[in-house]
C-alpha atoms as a PDB file:
ATOM      1  CA  MET A   1     136.700  59.540  93.881  1.00  0.00           C
ATOM      2  CA  GLU A   2     139.341  60.445  91.066  1.00  0.00           C
ATOM      3  CA  GLN A   3     141.567  63.562  91.826  1.00  0.00           C
ATOM      4  CA  ARG A   4     142.173  65.831  88.799  1.00  0.00           C
ATOM      5  CA  ALA A   5     145.730  66.871  88.630  1.00  0.00           C
ATOM      6  CA  GLY A   6     145.130  70.293  88.091  1.00  0.00           C
ATOM      7  CA  ASP A   7     143.170  70.722  91.261  1.00  0.00           C
ATOM      8  CA  PHE A   8     145.345  68.755  93.597  1.00  0.00           C
ATOM      9  CA  ALA A   9     147.925  71.028  94.446  1.00  0.00           C
ATOM     10  CA  ALA A  10     145.251  73.492  95.646  1.00  0.00           C
ATOM     11  CA  LEU A  11     144.161  70.924  98.327  1.00  0.00           C
ATOM     12  CA  PRO A  12     145.451  70.962 101.994  1.00  0.00           C
ATOM     13  CA  LEU A  13     148.298  68.341 102.652  1.00  0.00           C
ATOM     14  CA  PHE A  14     146.656  67.049 105.519  1.00  0.00           C
ATOM     15  CA  ASP A  15     143.072  67.897 106.781  1.00  0.00           C
ATOM     16  CA  PRO A  16     143.430  68.654 110.560  1.00  0.00           C
ATOM     17  CA  ALA A  17     139.829  67.436 111.351  1.00  0.00           C
ATOM     18  CA  ARG A  18     140.887  64.021 110.473  1.00  0.00           C
ATOM     19  CA  GLU A  19     140.401  61.888 113.774  1.00  0.00           C
ATOM     20  CA  LYS A  20     143.519  60.696 115.477  1.00  0.00           C
ATOM     21  CA  PRO A  21     143.865  56.905 114.824  1.00  0.00           C
ATOM     22  CA  ARG A  22     143.123  54.788 117.758  1.00  0.00           C
ATOM     23  CA  LEU A  23     143.453  51.023 118.494  1.00  0.00           C
ATOM     24  CA  ARG A  24     140.488  49.232 119.460  1.00  0.00           C
ATOM     25  CA  PRO A  25     141.332  45.594 119.546  1.00  0.00           C
ATOM     26  CA  LEU A  26     138.002  44.394 120.801  1.00  0.00           C
ATOM     27  CA  VAL A  27     136.280  45.802 117.890  1.00  0.00           C
ATOM     28  CA  ALA A  28     139.001  44.084 115.640  1.00  0.00           C
ATOM     29  CA  TYR A  29     138.211  40.587 117.225  1.00  0.00           C
ATOM     30  CA  ARG A  30     134.511  40.987 116.660  1.00  0.00           C
ATOM     31  CA  HIS A  31     135.123  41.546 112.882  1.00  0.00           C
ATOM     32  CA  PHE A  32     137.547  38.908 112.627  1.00  0.00           C
ATOM     33  CA  ARG A  33     135.200  36.209 114.144  1.00  0.00           C
ATOM     34  CA  ARG A  34     132.573  37.300 111.510  1.00  0.00           C
ATOM     35  CA  LEU A  35     135.112  37.046 108.853  1.00  0.00           C
ATOM     36  CA  MET A  36     135.754  33.517 109.836  1.00  0.00           C
ATOM     37  CA  HIS A  37     132.376  32.741 109.042  1.00  0.00           C
ATOM     38  CA  ASN A  38     132.388  34.455 105.493  1.00  0.00           C
ATOM     39  CA  THR A  39     136.025  34.960 104.410  1.00  0.00           C
ATOM     40  CA  GLU A  40     134.630  36.606 101.177  1.00  0.00           C
ATOM     41  CA  ASN A  41     133.045  39.440 103.319  1.00  0.00           C
ATOM     42  CA  THR A  42     135.503  42.373 102.705  1.00  0.00           C
ATOM     43  CA  ALA A  43     133.652  44.749 104.785  1.00  0.00           C
ATOM     44  CA  GLU A  44     134.941  42.729 107.980  1.00  0.00           C
ATOM     45  CA  VAL A  45     138.499  43.168 106.692  1.00  0.00           C
ATOM     46  CA  PHE A  46     138.051  47.079 106.283  1.00  0.00           C
ATOM     47  CA  GLY A  47     136.317  47.125 110.117  1.00  0.00           C
ATOM     48  CA  ILE A  48     139.547  45.290 111.343  1.00  0.00           C
ATOM     49  CA  PHE A  49     141.766  47.985 109.633  1.00  0.00           C
ATOM     50  CA  ALA A  50     139.622  50.807 111.008  1.00  0.00           C
ATOM     51  CA  ALA A  51     140.018  49.167 114.525  1.00  0.00           C
ATOM     52  CA  LEU A  52     143.726  48.544 114.368  1.00  0.00           C
ATOM     53  CA  PRO A  53     144.887  51.560 111.992  1.00  0.00           C
ATOM     54  CA  TRP A  54     148.523  52.499 111.084  1.00  0.00           C
ATOM     55  CA  ARG A  55     148.722  55.367 113.622  1.00  0.00           C
ATOM     56  CA  GLY A  56     151.912  56.747 111.839  1.00  0.00           C
ATOM     57  CA  GLY A  57     150.425  56.949 108.352  1.00  0.00           C
ATOM     58  CA  GLY A  58     149.281  60.650 108.541  1.00  0.00           C
ATOM     59  CA  ARG A  59     153.244  61.332 109.344  1.00  0.00           C
ATOM     60  CA  ALA A  60     154.600  58.981 106.458  1.00  0.00           C
ATOM     61  CA  GLY A  61     151.965  60.144 103.945  1.00  0.00           C
ATOM     62  CA  SER A  62     152.454  63.729 104.457  1.00  0.00           C
ATOM     63  CA  ALA A  63     156.111  63.423 104.615  1.00  0.00           C
ATOM     64  CA  PHE A  64     156.035  61.727 101.258  1.00  0.00           C
ATOM     65  CA  LEU A  65     153.782  64.202  99.713  1.00  0.00           C
ATOM     66  CA  ALA A  66     155.913  67.191 100.916  1.00  0.00           C
ATOM     67  CA  THR A  67     158.896  65.695  98.887  1.00  0.00           C
ATOM     68  CA  ARG A  68     159.403  66.714  95.169  1.00  0.00           C
ATOM     69  CA  GLN A  69     159.130  62.734  94.238  1.00  0.00           C
ATOM     70  CA  GLY A  70     155.834  62.419  96.085  1.00  0.00           C
ATOM     71  CA  HIS A  71     154.234  65.486  94.787  1.00  0.00           C
ATOM     72  CA  ALA A  72     155.314  64.628  90.998  1.00  0.00           C
ATOM     73  CA  LEU A  73     153.923  61.147  91.476  1.00  0.00           C
ATOM     74  CA  ALA A  74     150.510  62.207  92.862  1.00  0.00           C
ATOM     75  CA  LEU A  75     150.162  64.419  89.892  1.00  0.00           C
ATOM     76  CA  ALA A  76     151.317  61.891  87.276  1.00  0.00           C
ATOM     77  CA  GLU A  77     149.149  59.035  89.012  1.00  0.00           C
ATOM     78  CA  PRO A  78     146.176  60.724  90.210  1.00  0.00           C
ATOM     79  CA  TRP A  79     143.920  57.488  90.073  1.00  0.00           C
ATOM     80  CA  LEU A  80     145.431  53.982  89.992  1.00  0.00           C
ATOM     81  CA  PRO A  81     142.155  52.106  89.387  1.00  0.00           C
ATOM     82  CA  ALA A  82     141.918  53.730  85.873  1.00  0.00           C
ATOM     83  CA  VAL A  83     145.156  52.467  85.180  1.00  0.00           C
ATOM     84  CA  LEU A  84     144.801  49.185  86.500  1.00  0.00           C
ATOM     85  CA  ASP A  85     141.506  48.657  84.970  1.00  0.00           C
ATOM     86  CA  ASP A  86     142.397  49.357  81.422  1.00  0.00           C
ATOM     87  CA  HIS A  87     143.076  45.883  80.547  1.00  0.00           C
ATOM     88  CA  ALA A  88     143.169  46.739  76.752  1.00  0.00           C
ATOM     89  CA  ALA A  89     146.232  49.138  77.385  1.00  0.00           C
ATOM     90  CA  LEU A  90     147.830  46.897  79.821  1.00  0.00           C
ATOM     91  CA  ARG A  91     147.695  43.880  77.202  1.00  0.00           C
ATOM     92  CA  ARG A  92     149.690  46.065  74.766  1.00  0.00           C
ATOM     93  CA  MET A  93     152.501  45.754  77.130  1.00  0.00           C
ATOM     94  CA  PRO A  94     155.379  43.115  76.400  1.00  0.00           C
ATOM     95  CA  ALA A  95     154.711  39.424  77.061  1.00  0.00           C
ATOM     96  CA  GLY A  96     155.956  38.286  80.327  1.00  0.00           C
ATOM     97  CA  SER A  97     155.412  41.938  81.963  1.00  0.00           C
ATOM     98  CA  LEU A  98     154.192  42.619  85.349  1.00  0.00           C
ATOM     99  CA  ALA A  99     150.957  44.276  83.304  1.00  0.00           C
ATOM    100  CA  GLN A 100     150.325  40.851  81.560  1.00  0.00           C
ATOM    101  CA  ALA A 101     150.631  38.920  84.810  1.00  0.00           C
ATOM    102  CA  TYR A 102     148.379  41.295  86.647  1.00  0.00           C
ATOM    103  CA  CYS A 103     145.645  41.098  83.870  1.00  0.00           C
ATOM    104  CA  ASP A 104     145.954  37.128  84.082  1.00  0.00           C
ATOM    105  CA  PHE A 105     145.507  37.252  87.788  1.00  0.00           C
ATOM    106  CA  MET A 106     142.579  39.527  87.868  1.00  0.00           C
ATOM    107  CA  GLU A 107     140.620  38.216  84.804  1.00  0.00           C
ATOM    108  CA  ALA A 108     141.207  34.496  86.589  1.00  0.00           C
ATOM    109  CA  GLU A 109     139.994  35.867  89.750  1.00  0.00           C
ATOM    110  CA  GLY A 110     137.172  37.900  88.244  1.00  0.00           C
ATOM    111  CA  LEU A 111     138.258  40.909  89.837  1.00  0.00           C
ATOM    112  CA  THR A 112     138.718  44.649  89.185  1.00  0.00           C
ATOM    113  CA  ALA A 113     140.588  47.461  91.033  1.00  0.00           C
ATOM    114  CA  GLN A 114     137.124  49.616  90.911  1.00  0.00           C
ATOM    115  CA  GLY A 115     135.435  46.648  92.541  1.00  0.00           C
ATOM    116  CA  LEU A 116     137.753  47.067  95.808  1.00  0.00           C
ATOM    117  CA  VAL A 117     137.012  50.748  95.726  1.00  0.00           C
ATOM    118  CA  GLU A 118     133.487  50.079  95.857  1.00  0.00           C
ATOM    119  CA  GLU A 119     134.003  47.633  98.555  1.00  0.00           C
ATOM    120  CA  ALA A 120     135.631  50.423 100.544  1.00  0.00           C
ATOM    121  CA  GLU A 121     133.184  52.866  99.649  1.00  0.00           C
ATOM    122  CA  ARG A 122     130.280  50.752 101.076  1.00  0.00           C
ATOM    123  CA  PHE A 123     132.025  50.379 104.321  1.00  0.00           C
ATOM    124  CA  LEU A 124     133.003  54.148 104.381  1.00  0.00           C
ATOM    125  CA  ALA A 125     129.505  55.321 103.605  1.00  0.00           C
ATOM    126  CA  ASP A 126     128.630  56.655 107.043  1.00  0.00           C
ATOM    127  CA  ARG A 127     132.070  57.858 108.033  1.00  0.00           C
ATOM    128  CA  PRO A 128     133.412  61.533 107.626  1.00  0.00           C
ATOM    129  CA  ARG A 129     135.124  62.322 104.259  1.00  0.00           C
ATOM    130  CA  TYR A 130     138.399  64.496 103.906  1.00  0.00           C
ATOM    131  CA  ASN A 131     139.359  66.419 100.878  1.00  0.00           C
ATOM    132  CA  ASP A 132     142.957  66.788 101.292  1.00  0.00           C
ATOM    133  CA  ARG A 133     146.354  65.415  99.413  1.00  0.00           C
ATOM    134  CA  PHE A 134     146.652  62.621 101.942  1.00  0.00           C
ATOM    135  CA  GLN A 135     143.536  60.960 100.748  1.00  0.00           C
ATOM    136  CA  TRP A 136     145.618  60.131  97.762  1.00  0.00           C
ATOM    137  CA  TYR A 137     148.243  58.243  99.499  1.00  0.00           C
ATOM    138  CA  MET A 138     145.560  56.159 101.511  1.00  0.00           C
ATOM    139  CA  ASN A 139     143.811  55.474  98.209  1.00  0.00           C
ATOM    140  CA  ARG A 140     147.005  53.936  96.968  1.00  0.00           C
ATOM    141  CA  LEU A 141     147.514  51.663 100.063  1.00  0.00           C
ATOM    142  CA  ARG A 142     144.163  50.009  98.996  1.00  0.00           C
ATOM    143  CA  ASP A 143     144.664  50.007  95.230  1.00  0.00           C
ATOM    144  CA  VAL A 144     148.165  48.405  95.235  1.00  0.00           C
ATOM    145  CA  HIS A 145     146.915  45.163  96.900  1.00  0.00           C
ATOM    146  CA  ASP A 146     145.979  42.848  94.251  1.00  0.00           C
ATOM    147  CA  LEU A 147     149.523  43.882  92.449  1.00  0.00           C
ATOM    148  CA  LEU A 148     151.378  42.803  95.670  1.00  0.00           C
ATOM    149  CA  HIS A 149     149.479  39.284  95.146  1.00  0.00           C
ATOM    150  CA  VAL A 150     151.401  39.451  91.727  1.00  0.00           C
ATOM    151  CA  LEU A 151     154.678  40.441  92.664  1.00  0.00           C
ATOM    152  CA  THR A 152     154.927  38.234  95.647  1.00  0.00           C
ATOM    153  CA  GLY A 153     153.443  35.191  94.159  1.00  0.00           C
ATOM    154  CA  TYR A 154     150.558  34.581  96.957  1.00  0.00           C
ATOM    155  CA  GLY A 155     147.188  33.423  95.686  1.00  0.00           C
ATOM    156  CA  ARG A 156     143.876  34.448  96.764  1.00  0.00           C
ATOM    157  CA  ASP A 157     143.491  31.347  99.052  1.00  0.00           C
ATOM    158  CA  ALA A 158     143.221  32.201 102.780  1.00  0.00           C
ATOM    159  CA  LEU A 159     146.955  31.651 103.510  1.00  0.00           C
ATOM    160  CA  GLY A 160     147.839  33.583 100.334  1.00  0.00           C
ATOM    161  CA  GLU A 161     145.774  36.412 101.853  1.00  0.00           C
ATOM    162  CA  ALA A 162     147.419  36.189 105.224  1.00  0.00           C
ATOM    163  CA  CYS A 163     150.770  36.237 103.551  1.00  0.00           C
ATOM    164  CA  VAL A 164     150.282  39.174 101.239  1.00  0.00           C
ATOM    165  CA  LEU A 165     148.806  41.227 104.704  1.00  0.00           C
ATOM    166  CA  ALA A 166     152.068  40.124 106.588  1.00  0.00           C
ATOM    167  CA  PHE A 167     154.230  40.950 103.591  1.00  0.00           C
ATOM    168  CA  THR A 168     152.446  44.353 103.622  1.00  0.00           C
ATOM    169  CA  PHE A 169     153.005  45.308 107.247  1.00  0.00           C
ATOM    170  CA  PRO A 170     156.881  46.481 107.002  1.00  0.00           C
ATOM    171  CA  GLN A 171     155.491  48.715 104.333  1.00  0.00           C
ATOM    172  CA  GLN A 172     152.309  50.004 105.941  1.00  0.00           C
ATOM    173  CA  PRO A 173     152.625  48.921 109.561  1.00  0.00           C
ATOM    174  CA  ALA A 174     148.849  49.012 110.557  1.00  0.00           C
ATOM    175  CA  PRO A 175     148.622  46.347 113.433  1.00  0.00           C
ATOM    176  CA  GLY A 176     145.507  45.274 111.496  1.00  0.00           C
ATOM    177  CA  HIS A 177     147.867  43.521 108.945  1.00  0.00           C
ATOM    178  CA  LEU A 178     149.514  41.265 111.526  1.00  0.00           C
ATOM    179  CA  PHE A 179     146.382  40.773 113.331  1.00  0.00           C
ATOM    180  CA  ILE A 180     144.493  39.335 110.645  1.00  0.00           C
ATOM    181  CA  ALA A 181     147.938  37.457 109.129  1.00  0.00           C
ATOM    182  CA  TRP A 182     148.483  35.524 112.492  1.00  0.00           C
ATOM    183  CA  MET A 183     145.006  34.891 113.536  1.00  0.00           C
ATOM    184  CA  ALA A 184     144.094  33.447 110.237  1.00  0.00           C
ATOM    185  CA  ALA A 185     147.355  31.379 110.265  1.00  0.00           C
ATOM    186  CA  LEU A 186     146.415  30.182 113.880  1.00  0.00           C
ATOM    187  CA  GLN A 187     142.944  29.108 112.918  1.00  0.00           C
ATOM    188  CA  MET A 188     144.401  27.088 110.088  1.00  0.00           C
ATOM    189  CA  LYS A 189     146.970  25.565 112.406  1.00  0.00           C
ATOM    190  CA  LEU A 190     144.242  24.729 115.103  1.00  0.00           C
ATOM    191  CA  ARG A 191     141.309  23.710 112.992  1.00  0.00           C
ATOM    192  CA  LEU A 192     143.248  21.723 110.274  1.00  0.00           C
ATOM    193  CA  ASN A 193     144.640  18.239 110.809  1.00  0.00           C
ATOM    194  CA  SER A 194     147.556  19.190 108.587  1.00  0.00           C
ATOM    195  CA  ARG A 195     151.610  19.370 108.571  1.00  0.00           C
ATOM    196  CA  ALA A 196     151.338  22.548 106.273  1.00  0.00           C
ATOM    197  CA  PRO A 197     153.980  25.147 107.648  1.00  0.00           C
ATOM    198  CA  VAL A 198     151.236  27.902 107.696  1.00  0.00           C
ATOM    199  CA  LEU A 199     152.833  29.850 110.551  1.00  0.00           C
ATOM    200  CA  GLY A 200     156.400  29.641 108.732  1.00  0.00           C
ATOM    201  CA  ALA A 201     154.532  30.972 105.722  1.00  0.00           C
ATOM    202  CA  VAL A 202     153.410  33.963 107.166  1.00  0.00           C
ATOM    203  CA  ARG A 203     156.717  34.583 108.991  1.00  0.00           C
ATOM    204  CA  GLU A 204     158.515  34.118 105.526  1.00  0.00           C
ATOM    205  CA  ALA A 205     156.246  36.712 104.160  1.00  0.00           C
ATOM    206  CA  TRP A 206     156.852  39.421 106.839  1.00  0.00           C
ATOM    207  CA  ARG A 207     160.659  38.894 106.417  1.00  0.00           C
ATOM    208  CA  ARG A 208     160.161  39.231 102.419  1.00  0.00           C
ATOM    209  CA  GLY A 209     158.254  42.569 103.088  1.00  0.00           C
ATOM    210  CA  LYS A 210     161.112  44.106 104.954  1.00  0.00           C
ATOM    211  CA  SER A 211     163.304  44.225 101.964  1.00  0.00           C
ATOM    212  CA  CYS A 212     160.536  45.979  99.717  1.00  0.00           C
ATOM    213  CA  PRO A 213     160.113  49.642  99.664  1.00  0.00           C
ATOM    214  CA  ARG A 214     156.518  51.201  99.989  1.00  0.00           C
ATOM    215  CA  LEU A 215     154.928  50.179  96.892  1.00  0.00           C
ATOM    216  CA  MET A 216     152.357  52.788  97.053  1.00  0.00           C
ATOM    217  CA  GLU A 217     155.319  55.401  96.782  1.00  0.00           C
ATOM    218  CA  GLN A 218     156.608  53.836  93.658  1.00  0.00           C
ATOM    219  CA  SER A 219     155.562  54.565  90.077  1.00  0.00           C
ATOM    220  CA  ILE A 220     153.137  51.986  89.000  1.00  0.00           C
ATOM    221  CA  VAL A 221     152.904  53.119  85.571  1.00  0.00           C
ATOM    222  CA  ALA A 222     156.692  52.599  85.406  1.00  0.00           C
ATOM    223  CA  LEU A 223     156.570  49.524  86.697  1.00  0.00           C
ATOM    224  CA  LEU A 224     153.926  47.676  84.936  1.00  0.00           C
ATOM    225  CA  PRO A 225     155.797  47.261  81.305  1.00  0.00           C
ATOM    226  CA  LEU A 226     158.875  45.534  82.977  1.00  0.00           C
ATOM    227  CA  PRO A 227     159.517  41.954  82.926  1.00  0.00           C
ATOM    228  CA  LEU A 228     157.781  40.386  86.157  1.00  0.00           C
ATOM    229  CA  GLU A 229     161.102  39.210  87.391  1.00  0.00           C
ATOM    230  CA  GLU A 230     162.521  42.548  87.018  1.00  0.00           C
ATOM    231  CA  ALA A 231     159.930  44.279  88.627  1.00  0.00           C
ATOM    232  CA  ARG A 232     160.414  41.975  91.542  1.00  0.00           C
ATOM    233  CA  ARG A 233     164.156  42.847  91.688  1.00  0.00           C
ATOM    234  CA  ARG A 234     163.802  46.409  91.266  1.00  0.00           C
ATOM    235  CA  LEU A 235     161.586  46.001  94.455  1.00  0.00           C
ATOM    236  CA  GLY A 236     163.652  43.881  96.392  1.00  0.00           C
ATOM    237  CA  ILE A 237     161.150  41.134  96.535  1.00  0.00           C
ATOM    238  CA  VAL A 238     163.214  38.100  96.992  1.00  0.00           C
ATOM    239  CA  PRO A 239     161.689  34.421  96.281  1.00  0.00           C
ATOM    240  CA  GLY A 240     159.718  32.623  98.740  1.00  0.00           C
ATOM    241  CA  VAL A 241     159.338  29.147  99.379  1.00  0.00           C
ATOM    242  CA  VAL A 242     157.397  28.275 102.451  1.00  0.00           C
ATOM    243  CA  TYR A 243     153.903  29.223 100.903  1.00  0.00           C
ATOM    244  CA  GLU A 244     154.307  26.772  98.079  1.00  0.00           C
ATOM    245  CA  GLN A 245     155.629  24.042 100.420  1.00  0.00           C
ATOM    246  CA  ALA A 246     152.316  24.526 102.309  1.00  0.00           C
ATOM    247  CA  HIS A 247     150.231  24.090  99.286  1.00  0.00           C
ATOM    248  CA  ALA A 248     152.573  20.969  98.527  1.00  0.00           C
ATOM    249  CA  VAL A 249     151.661  19.501 101.795  1.00  0.00           C
ATOM    250  CA  TRP A 250     147.940  20.269 101.428  1.00  0.00           C
ATOM    251  CA  GLN A 251     147.895  18.598  98.123  1.00  0.00           C
ATOM    252  CA  ALA A 252     149.340  15.632  99.497  1.00  0.00           C
ATOM    253  CA  GLU A 253     146.804  15.321 102.200  1.00  0.00           C
ATOM    254  CA  GLY A 254     143.926  16.388  99.895  1.00  0.00           C
ATOM    255  CA  ILE A 255     143.246  19.500 101.295  1.00  0.00           C
ATOM    256  CA  ASP A 256     141.966  22.250  98.954  1.00  0.00           C
ATOM    257  CA  PRO A 257     143.442  25.417 100.009  1.00  0.00           C
ATOM    258  CA  ARG A 258     140.699  27.578  98.442  1.00  0.00           C
ATOM    259  CA  ASP A 259     138.109  25.624 100.696  1.00  0.00           C
ATOM    260  CA  LEU A 260     139.721  25.235 104.025  1.00  0.00           C
ATOM    261  CA  LEU A 261     136.591  25.311 105.985  1.00  0.00           C
ATOM    262  CA  LYS A 262     135.540  22.142 104.214  1.00  0.00           C
ATOM    263  CA  HIS A 263     138.522  20.398 106.043  1.00  0.00           C
ATOM    264  CA  ALA A 264     138.321  22.084 109.417  1.00  0.00           C
ATOM    265  CA  ARG A 265     137.854  20.100 112.503  1.00  0.00           C
END
């Protein structure tokens, strides 16, 4: 739910009633097996992250929000989906900007930022809710995901999603990111008769993410009007090549990266 800026400062920084994150790898594995049968089932992805959470997230988020920069950003950008789904406003930004590239990506894929919120809400429907400032931080972890697709150049095919998650891990070190990324890459390696460097693509994505500051702690409103390449430079996002090499190999082998199950053995 959208936070009103006037009410935000009155909220506690971190609700002490929040459950302490714990790792449940067997639960994560069960979610992953179901995800492999239906890769569009986002609820299974949320289930993996719930089972393999970022245990230091509370400390990191609270520390950021306790700074002047963090508090100011939370007041200036209380609810990212409203910004990201206003394509009319984003389309008024310069040609070649991050905003234009983001609109192109979301419209081509038939996605909205609010749609991801609704997927998360369905998964969280029977879970406790907390009304604290840290929730703003957690929301942004979710809301910048599709921006990362645009900034990194990774598509929404299975390898592209794995690479985005590997890229995200250095910023948000939830074991769930690497679990999905590496398990998905291993499945591709084992089940496809292909020379595509899928493991190398995931490894490169992780390395690329190490040089990028936490996107959720940056002003998205300030980044959107920038030329896409300038936004990448400011964030330290260096070019990646192995993902494109994997796609080139698949193309030569007649494998559709958006439908890998069709080619699985």
